[in-house]
Amino acid sequence: MGWRMKHVKGTVLFVQEGRFTLETDAGDRRLFILSHKASVEPQQLPPLQHRQAHVRVSYDDAPDLIAKLAHAVELVAE
């Protein structure tokens, strides 16, 4: 069985340090924590919140956390 990254698209609602809440295109809200190996830095997240940017998050489950572990956050065309 191979490991596979999950993806979700949505709008960044709230950012605090390396954590952020995403409202998915389906209307769900999910909490993410940036992986220490993420392709973005925590300081790059607040502008996404203020612009209510539409993004694609690549993530996997963090078994010991409520939040998902984000590995990439990319702007997408709406």
PDB file of N, CA and C in Angstrom:
ATOM      1  N   MET A   1       0.846  -1.174   0.000  1.00  0.00           N
ATOM      2  CA  MET A   1       0.000   0.000   0.000  1.00  0.00           C
ATOM      3  C   MET A   1       0.888   1.233   0.000  1.00  0.00           C
ATOM      4  N   GLY A   2       0.720   2.135  -0.969  1.00  0.00           N
ATOM      5  CA  GLY A   2       1.558   3.313  -1.082  1.00  0.00           C
ATOM      6  C   GLY A   2       0.999   4.507  -0.323  1.00  0.00           C
ATOM      7  N   TRP A   3       1.904   5.391   0.107  1.00  0.00           N
ATOM      8  CA  TRP A   3       1.518   6.612   0.792  1.00  0.00           C
ATOM      9  C   TRP A   3       1.107   7.635  -0.242  1.00  0.00           C
ATOM     10  N   ARG A   4       0.045   8.372   0.032  1.00  0.00           N
ATOM     11  CA  ARG A   4      -0.466   9.336  -0.936  1.00  0.00           C
ATOM     12  C   ARG A   4      -0.879  10.618  -0.230  1.00  0.00           C
ATOM     13  N   MET A   5      -0.384  11.749  -0.744  1.00  0.00           N
ATOM     14  CA  MET A   5      -0.717  13.060  -0.199  1.00  0.00           C
ATOM     15  C   MET A   5      -2.172  13.380  -0.538  1.00  0.00           C
ATOM     16  N   LYS A   6      -2.876  14.013   0.399  1.00  0.00           N
ATOM     17  CA  LYS A   6      -4.252  14.452   0.170  1.00  0.00           C
ATOM     18  C   LYS A   6      -4.229  15.923  -0.229  1.00  0.00           C
ATOM     19  N   HIS A   7      -5.291  16.366  -0.909  1.00  0.00           N
ATOM     20  CA  HIS A   7      -5.384  17.756  -1.360  1.00  0.00           C
ATOM     21  C   HIS A   7      -6.794  18.271  -1.107  1.00  0.00           C
ATOM     22  N   VAL A   8      -6.888  19.570  -0.825  1.00  0.00           N
ATOM     23  CA  VAL A   8      -8.188  20.206  -0.653  1.00  0.00           C
ATOM     24  C   VAL A   8      -8.062  21.661  -1.109  1.00  0.00           C
ATOM     25  N   LYS A   9      -9.127  22.186  -1.691  1.00  0.00           N
ATOM     26  CA  LYS A   9      -9.154  23.588  -2.113  1.00  0.00           C
ATOM     27  C   LYS A   9     -10.138  24.343  -1.251  1.00  0.00           C
ATOM     28  N   GLY A  10      -9.836  25.632  -1.026  1.00  0.00           N
ATOM     29  CA  GLY A  10     -10.738  26.454  -0.239  1.00  0.00           C
ATOM     30  C   GLY A  10     -10.183  27.842  -0.002  1.00  0.00           C
ATOM     31  N   THR A  11     -10.769  28.524   0.986  1.00  0.00           N
ATOM     32  CA  THR A  11     -10.423  29.898   1.317  1.00  0.00           C
ATOM     33  C   THR A  11      -9.849  29.955   2.727  1.00  0.00           C
ATOM     34  N   VAL A  12      -8.748  30.680   2.873  1.00  0.00           N
ATOM     35  CA  VAL A  12      -8.113  30.834   4.179  1.00  0.00           C
ATOM     36  C   VAL A  12      -8.938  31.823   5.007  1.00  0.00           C
ATOM     37  N   LEU A  13      -9.439  31.361   6.165  1.00  0.00           N
ATOM     38  CA  LEU A  13     -10.282  32.209   7.013  1.00  0.00           C
ATOM     39  C   LEU A  13      -9.520  32.855   8.157  1.00  0.00           C
ATOM     40  N   PHE A  14      -8.600  32.107   8.763  1.00  0.00           N
ATOM     41  CA  PHE A  14      -7.933  32.578   9.966  1.00  0.00           C
ATOM     42  C   PHE A  14      -6.509  32.026   9.996  1.00  0.00           C
ATOM     43  N   VAL A  15      -5.570  32.880  10.391  1.00  0.00           N
ATOM     44  CA  VAL A  15      -4.159  32.473  10.480  1.00  0.00           C
ATOM     45  C   VAL A  15      -3.612  32.899  11.836  1.00  0.00           C
ATOM     46  N   GLN A  16      -2.863  32.009  12.482  1.00  0.00           N
ATOM     47  CA  GLN A  16      -2.137  32.342  13.702  1.00  0.00           C
ATOM     48  C   GLN A  16      -0.840  31.550  13.698  1.00  0.00           C
ATOM     49  N   GLU A  17       0.262  32.277  13.523  1.00  0.00           N
ATOM     50  CA  GLU A  17       1.585  31.667  13.435  1.00  0.00           C
ATOM     51  C   GLU A  17       1.583  30.607  12.337  1.00  0.00           C
ATOM     52  N   GLY A  18       1.897  29.367  12.635  1.00  0.00           N
ATOM     53  CA  GLY A  18       1.948  28.324  11.614  1.00  0.00           C
ATOM     54  C   GLY A  18       0.665  27.529  11.480  1.00  0.00           C
ATOM     55  N   ARG A  19      -0.433  28.062  12.060  1.00  0.00           N
ATOM     56  CA  ARG A  19      -1.728  27.372  11.993  1.00  0.00           C
ATOM     57  C   ARG A  19      -2.695  28.197  11.153  1.00  0.00           C
ATOM     58  N   PHE A  20      -3.597  27.501  10.474  1.00  0.00           N
ATOM     59  CA  PHE A  20      -4.623  28.237   9.734  1.00  0.00           C
ATOM     60  C   PHE A  20      -5.878  27.390   9.577  1.00  0.00           C
ATOM     61  N   THR A  21      -6.998  28.090   9.432  1.00  0.00           N
ATOM     62  CA  THR A  21      -8.287  27.450   9.196  1.00  0.00           C
ATOM     63  C   THR A  21      -8.672  27.687   7.750  1.00  0.00           C
ATOM     64  N   LEU A  22      -9.113  26.634   7.103  1.00  0.00           N
ATOM     65  CA  LEU A  22      -9.517  26.688   5.699  1.00  0.00           C
ATOM     66  C   LEU A  22     -10.991  26.339   5.607  1.00  0.00           C
ATOM     67  N   GLU A  23     -11.754  27.156   4.876  1.00  0.00           N
ATOM     68  CA  GLU A  23     -13.114  26.771   4.530  1.00  0.00           C
ATOM     69  C   GLU A  23     -13.028  26.129   3.158  1.00  0.00           C
ATOM     70  N   THR A  24     -13.341  24.846   3.085  1.00  0.00           N
ATOM     71  CA  THR A  24     -13.205  24.110   1.829  1.00  0.00           C
ATOM     72  C   THR A  24     -14.283  24.520   0.847  1.00  0.00           C
ATOM     73  N   ASP A  25     -14.084  24.170  -0.406  1.00  0.00           N
ATOM     74  CA  ASP A  25     -15.080  24.458  -1.429  1.00  0.00           C
ATOM     75  C   ASP A  25     -16.409  23.768  -1.119  1.00  0.00           C
ATOM     76  N   ALA A  26     -16.368  22.695  -0.325  1.00  0.00           N
ATOM     77  CA  ALA A  26     -17.586  21.974   0.070  1.00  0.00           C
ATOM     78  C   ALA A  26     -18.260  22.610   1.289  1.00  0.00           C
ATOM     79  N   GLY A  27     -17.613  23.637   1.883  1.00  0.00           N
ATOM     80  CA  GLY A  27     -18.208  24.338   3.017  1.00  0.00           C
ATOM     81  C   GLY A  27     -17.756  23.853   4.383  1.00  0.00           C
ATOM     82  N   ASP A  28     -16.874  22.848   4.426  1.00  0.00           N
ATOM     83  CA  ASP A  28     -16.334  22.365   5.707  1.00  0.00           C
ATOM     84  C   ASP A  28     -15.219  23.303   6.161  1.00  0.00           C
ATOM     85  N   ARG A  29     -14.963  23.318   7.454  1.00  0.00           N
ATOM     86  CA  ARG A  29     -13.822  24.071   7.987  1.00  0.00           C
ATOM     87  C   ARG A  29     -12.829  23.084   8.567  1.00  0.00           C
ATOM     88  N   ARG A  30     -11.561  23.282   8.192  1.00  0.00           N
ATOM     89  CA  ARG A  30     -10.495  22.373   8.649  1.00  0.00           C
ATOM     90  C   ARG A  30      -9.333  23.183   9.212  1.00  0.00           C
ATOM     91  N   LEU A  31      -8.746  22.645  10.250  1.00  0.00           N
ATOM     92  CA  LEU A  31      -7.586  23.258  10.878  1.00  0.00           C
ATOM     93  C   LEU A  31      -6.327  22.579  10.363  1.00  0.00           C
ATOM     94  N   PHE A  32      -5.340  23.394   9.999  1.00  0.00           N
ATOM     95  CA  PHE A  32      -4.061  22.891   9.505  1.00  0.00           C
ATOM     96  C   PHE A  32      -2.917  23.481  10.307  1.00  0.00           C
ATOM     97  N   ILE A  33      -1.855  22.714  10.425  1.00  0.00           N
ATOM     98  CA  ILE A  33      -0.585  23.169  10.984  1.00  0.00           C
ATOM     99  C   ILE A  33       0.462  22.959   9.904  1.00  0.00           C
ATOM    100  N   LEU A  34       1.292  23.983   9.681  1.00  0.00           N
ATOM    101  CA  LEU A  34       2.353  23.832   8.681  1.00  0.00           C
ATOM    102  C   LEU A  34       3.382  22.820   9.150  1.00  0.00           C
ATOM    103  N   SER A  35       3.741  21.923   8.267  1.00  0.00           N
ATOM    104  CA  SER A  35       4.836  21.003   8.520  1.00  0.00           C
ATOM    105  C   SER A  35       6.131  21.812   8.593  1.00  0.00           C
ATOM    106  N   HIS A  36       7.088  21.352   9.387  1.00  0.00           N
ATOM    107  CA  HIS A  36       8.381  22.056   9.444  1.00  0.00           C
ATOM    108  C   HIS A  36       9.130  21.950   8.115  1.00  0.00           C
ATOM    109  N   LYS A  37       8.679  21.060   7.225  1.00  0.00           N
ATOM    110  CA  LYS A  37       9.271  20.929   5.892  1.00  0.00           C
ATOM    111  C   LYS A  37       8.360  21.518   4.803  1.00  0.00           C
ATOM    112  N   ALA A  38       7.375  22.314   5.192  1.00  0.00           N
ATOM    113  CA  ALA A  38       6.402  22.876   4.236  1.00  0.00           C
ATOM    114  C   ALA A  38       7.095  23.785   3.226  1.00  0.00           C
ATOM    115  N   SER A  39       6.461  23.909   2.066  1.00  0.00           N
ATOM    116  CA  SER A  39       7.002  24.746   0.992  1.00  0.00           C
ATOM    117  C   SER A  39       6.732  26.234   1.229  1.00  0.00           C
ATOM    118  N   VAL A  40       6.004  26.584   2.281  1.00  0.00           N
ATOM    119  CA  VAL A  40       5.751  27.979   2.637  1.00  0.00           C
ATOM    120  C   VAL A  40       6.176  28.208   4.087  1.00  0.00           C
ATOM    121  N   GLU A  41       6.447  29.466   4.405  1.00  0.00           N
ATOM    122  CA  GLU A  41       6.828  29.860   5.760  1.00  0.00           C
ATOM    123  C   GLU A  41       5.609  30.428   6.484  1.00  0.00           C
ATOM    124  N   PRO A  42       5.573  30.352   7.801  1.00  0.00           N
ATOM    125  CA  PRO A  42       4.424  30.881   8.545  1.00  0.00           C
ATOM    126  C   PRO A  42       4.098  32.340   8.221  1.00  0.00           C
ATOM    127  N   GLN A  43       5.103  33.165   7.974  1.00  0.00           N
ATOM    128  CA  GLN A  43       4.865  34.582   7.686  1.00  0.00           C
ATOM    129  C   GLN A  43       4.210  34.811   6.318  1.00  0.00           C
ATOM    130  N   GLN A  44       4.153  33.787   5.470  1.00  0.00           N
ATOM    131  CA  GLN A  44       3.493  33.903   4.176  1.00  0.00           C
ATOM    132  C   GLN A  44       1.984  33.656   4.266  1.00  0.00           C
ATOM    133  N   LEU A  45       1.501  33.174   5.394  1.00  0.00           N
ATOM    134  CA  LEU A  45       0.085  32.848   5.536  1.00  0.00           C
ATOM    135  C   LEU A  45      -0.833  34.053   5.766  1.00  0.00           C
ATOM    136  N   PRO A  46      -0.486  35.034   6.629  1.00  0.00           N
ATOM    137  CA  PRO A  46      -1.422  36.137   6.894  1.00  0.00           C
ATOM    138  C   PRO A  46      -1.928  36.882   5.661  1.00  0.00           C
ATOM    139  N   PRO A  47      -1.104  37.161   4.651  1.00  0.00           N
ATOM    140  CA  PRO A  47      -1.657  37.830   3.471  1.00  0.00           C
ATOM    141  C   PRO A  47      -2.756  37.012   2.772  1.00  0.00           C
ATOM    142  N   LEU A  48      -2.686  35.691   2.859  1.00  0.00           N
ATOM    143  CA  LEU A  48      -3.711  34.846   2.253  1.00  0.00           C
ATOM    144  C   LEU A  48      -5.047  35.032   2.971  1.00  0.00           C
ATOM    145  N   GLN A  49      -5.001  35.211   4.275  1.00  0.00           N
ATOM    146  CA  GLN A  49      -6.212  35.428   5.060  1.00  0.00           C
ATOM    147  C   GLN A  49      -6.848  36.761   4.680  1.00  0.00           C
ATOM    148  N   HIS A  50      -6.055  37.801   4.596  1.00  0.00           N
ATOM    149  CA  HIS A  50      -6.593  39.138   4.343  1.00  0.00           C
ATOM    150  C   HIS A  50      -7.145  39.277   2.928  1.00  0.00           C
ATOM    151  N   ARG A  51      -6.616  38.489   2.017  1.00  0.00           N
ATOM    152  CA  ARG A  51      -7.108  38.515   0.629  1.00  0.00           C
ATOM    153  C   ARG A  51      -8.232  37.514   0.419  1.00  0.00           C
ATOM    154  N   GLN A  52      -8.509  36.692   1.438  1.00  0.00           N
ATOM    155  CA  GLN A  52      -9.436  35.568   1.321  1.00  0.00           C
ATOM    156  C   GLN A  52      -9.103  34.784   0.051  1.00  0.00           C
ATOM    157  N   ALA A  53      -7.839  34.428  -0.042  1.00  0.00           N
ATOM    158  CA  ALA A  53      -7.291  33.752  -1.214  1.00  0.00           C
ATOM    159  C   ALA A  53      -7.845  32.340  -1.371  1.00  0.00           C
ATOM    160  N   HIS A  54      -8.039  31.951  -2.609  1.00  0.00           N
ATOM    161  CA  HIS A  54      -8.445  30.585  -2.926  1.00  0.00           C
ATOM    162  C   HIS A  54      -7.157  29.783  -3.107  1.00  0.00           C
ATOM    163  N   VAL A  55      -6.997  28.734  -2.303  1.00  0.00           N
ATOM    164  CA  VAL A  55      -5.750  27.980  -2.284  1.00  0.00           C
ATOM    165  C   VAL A  55      -6.004  26.484  -2.396  1.00  0.00           C
ATOM    166  N   ARG A  56      -4.930  25.784  -2.696  1.00  0.00           N
ATOM    167  CA  ARG A  56      -4.925  24.323  -2.685  1.00  0.00           C
ATOM    168  C   ARG A  56      -3.905  23.903  -1.633  1.00  0.00           C
ATOM    169  N   VAL A  57      -4.342  23.095  -0.681  1.00  0.00           N
ATOM    170  CA  VAL A  57      -3.480  22.632   0.405  1.00  0.00           C
ATOM    171  C   VAL A  57      -3.185  21.153   0.190  1.00  0.00           C
ATOM    172  N   SER A  58      -1.906  20.815   0.194  1.00  0.00           N
ATOM    173  CA  SER A  58      -1.473  19.417   0.160  1.00  0.00           C
ATOM    174  C   SER A  58      -1.146  19.038   1.596  1.00  0.00           C
ATOM    175  N   TYR A  59      -1.720  17.941   2.068  1.00  0.00           N
ATOM    176  CA  TYR A  59      -1.598  17.612   3.481  1.00  0.00           C
ATOM    177  C   TYR A  59      -1.669  16.111   3.721  1.00  0.00           C
ATOM    178  N   ASP A  60      -1.371  15.745   4.952  1.00  0.00           N
ATOM    179  CA  ASP A  60      -1.667  14.400   5.404  1.00  0.00           C
ATOM    180  C   ASP A  60      -2.172  14.481   6.838  1.00  0.00           C
ATOM    181  N   ASP A  61      -2.712  13.391   7.321  1.00  0.00           N
ATOM    182  CA  ASP A  61      -3.253  13.352   8.663  1.00  0.00           C
ATOM    183  C   ASP A  61      -2.123  13.293   9.678  1.00  0.00           C
ATOM    184  N   ALA A  62      -2.313  13.976  10.781  1.00  0.00           N
ATOM    185  CA  ALA A  62      -1.371  13.920  11.900  1.00  0.00           C
ATOM    186  C   ALA A  62      -2.063  13.097  12.992  1.00  0.00           C
ATOM    187  N   PRO A  63      -1.666  11.851  13.169  1.00  0.00           N
ATOM    188  CA  PRO A  63      -2.406  10.941  14.050  1.00  0.00           C
ATOM    189  C   PRO A  63      -2.558  11.414  15.494  1.00  0.00           C
ATOM    190  N   ASP A  64      -1.651  12.218  15.993  1.00  0.00           N
ATOM    191  CA  ASP A  64      -1.726  12.665  17.387  1.00  0.00           C
ATOM    192  C   ASP A  64      -2.319  14.059  17.540  1.00  0.00           C
ATOM    193  N   LEU A  65      -2.820  14.647  16.438  1.00  0.00           N
ATOM    194  CA  LEU A  65      -3.343  16.012  16.472  1.00  0.00           C
ATOM    195  C   LEU A  65      -4.756  16.086  15.909  1.00  0.00           C
ATOM    196  N   ILE A  66      -5.478  17.105  16.313  1.00  0.00           N
ATOM    197  CA  ILE A  66      -6.793  17.372  15.728  1.00  0.00           C
ATOM    198  C   ILE A  66      -6.608  17.948  14.327  1.00  0.00           C
ATOM    199  N   ALA A  67      -5.562  18.746  14.148  1.00  0.00           N
ATOM    200  CA  ALA A  67      -5.301  19.411  12.883  1.00  0.00           C
ATOM    201  C   ALA A  67      -4.675  18.462  11.865  1.00  0.00           C
ATOM    202  N   LYS A  68      -4.749  18.860  10.601  1.00  0.00           N
ATOM    203  CA  LYS A  68      -4.060  18.174   9.510  1.00  0.00           C
ATOM    204  C   LYS A  68      -2.688  18.832   9.350  1.00  0.00           C
ATOM    205  N   LEU A  69      -1.731  18.120   8.788  1.00  0.00           N
ATOM    206  CA  LEU A  69      -0.371  18.624   8.611  1.00  0.00           C
ATOM    207  C   LEU A  69      -0.186  19.085   7.168  1.00  0.00           C
ATOM    208  N   ALA A  70      -0.092  20.404   6.970  1.00  0.00           N
ATOM    209  CA  ALA A  70       0.019  20.993   5.628  1.00  0.00           C
ATOM    210  C   ALA A  70       1.466  20.982   5.145  1.00  0.00           C
ATOM    211  N   HIS A  71       1.660  20.462   3.936  1.00  0.00           N
ATOM    212  CA  HIS A  71       2.992  20.412   3.330  1.00  0.00           C
ATOM    213  C   HIS A  71       3.175  21.466   2.253  1.00  0.00           C
ATOM    214  N   ALA A  72       2.073  21.926   1.659  1.00  0.00           N
ATOM    215  CA  ALA A  72       2.132  22.954   0.624  1.00  0.00           C
ATOM    216  C   ALA A  72       0.825  23.732   0.617  1.00  0.00           C
ATOM    217  N   VAL A  73       0.936  25.049   0.361  1.00  0.00           N
ATOM    218  CA  VAL A  73      -0.231  25.908   0.199  1.00  0.00           C
ATOM    219  C   VAL A  73       0.025  26.717  -1.057  1.00  0.00           C
ATOM    220  N   GLU A  74      -0.818  26.527  -2.061  1.00  0.00           N
ATOM    221  CA  GLU A  74      -0.613  27.174  -3.359  1.00  0.00           C
ATOM    222  C   GLU A  74      -1.845  27.967  -3.762  1.00  0.00           C
ATOM    223  N   LEU A  75      -1.618  29.159  -4.301  1.00  0.00           N
ATOM    224  CA  LEU A  75      -2.734  29.947  -4.843  1.00  0.00           C
ATOM    225  C   LEU A  75      -3.280  29.257  -6.075  1.00  0.00           C
ATOM    226  N   VAL A  76      -4.597  29.270  -6.225  1.00  0.00           N
ATOM    227  CA  VAL A  76      -5.234  28.701  -7.420  1.00  0.00           C
ATOM    228  C   VAL A  76      -6.201  29.729  -7.988  1.00  0.00           C
ATOM    229  N   ALA A  77      -6.398  29.656  -9.306  1.00  0.00           N
ATOM    230  CA  ALA A  77      -7.369  30.522  -9.970  1.00  0.00           C
ATOM    231  C   ALA A  77      -8.764  30.043  -9.595  1.00  0.00           C
ATOM    232  N   GLU A  78      -9.648  30.998  -9.358  1.00  0.00           N
ATOM    233  CA  GLU A  78     -11.019  30.617  -8.973  1.00  0.00           C
ATOM    234  C   GLU A  78     -11.874  30.340 -10.173  1.00  0.00           C
TER     235      GLU A  78
END
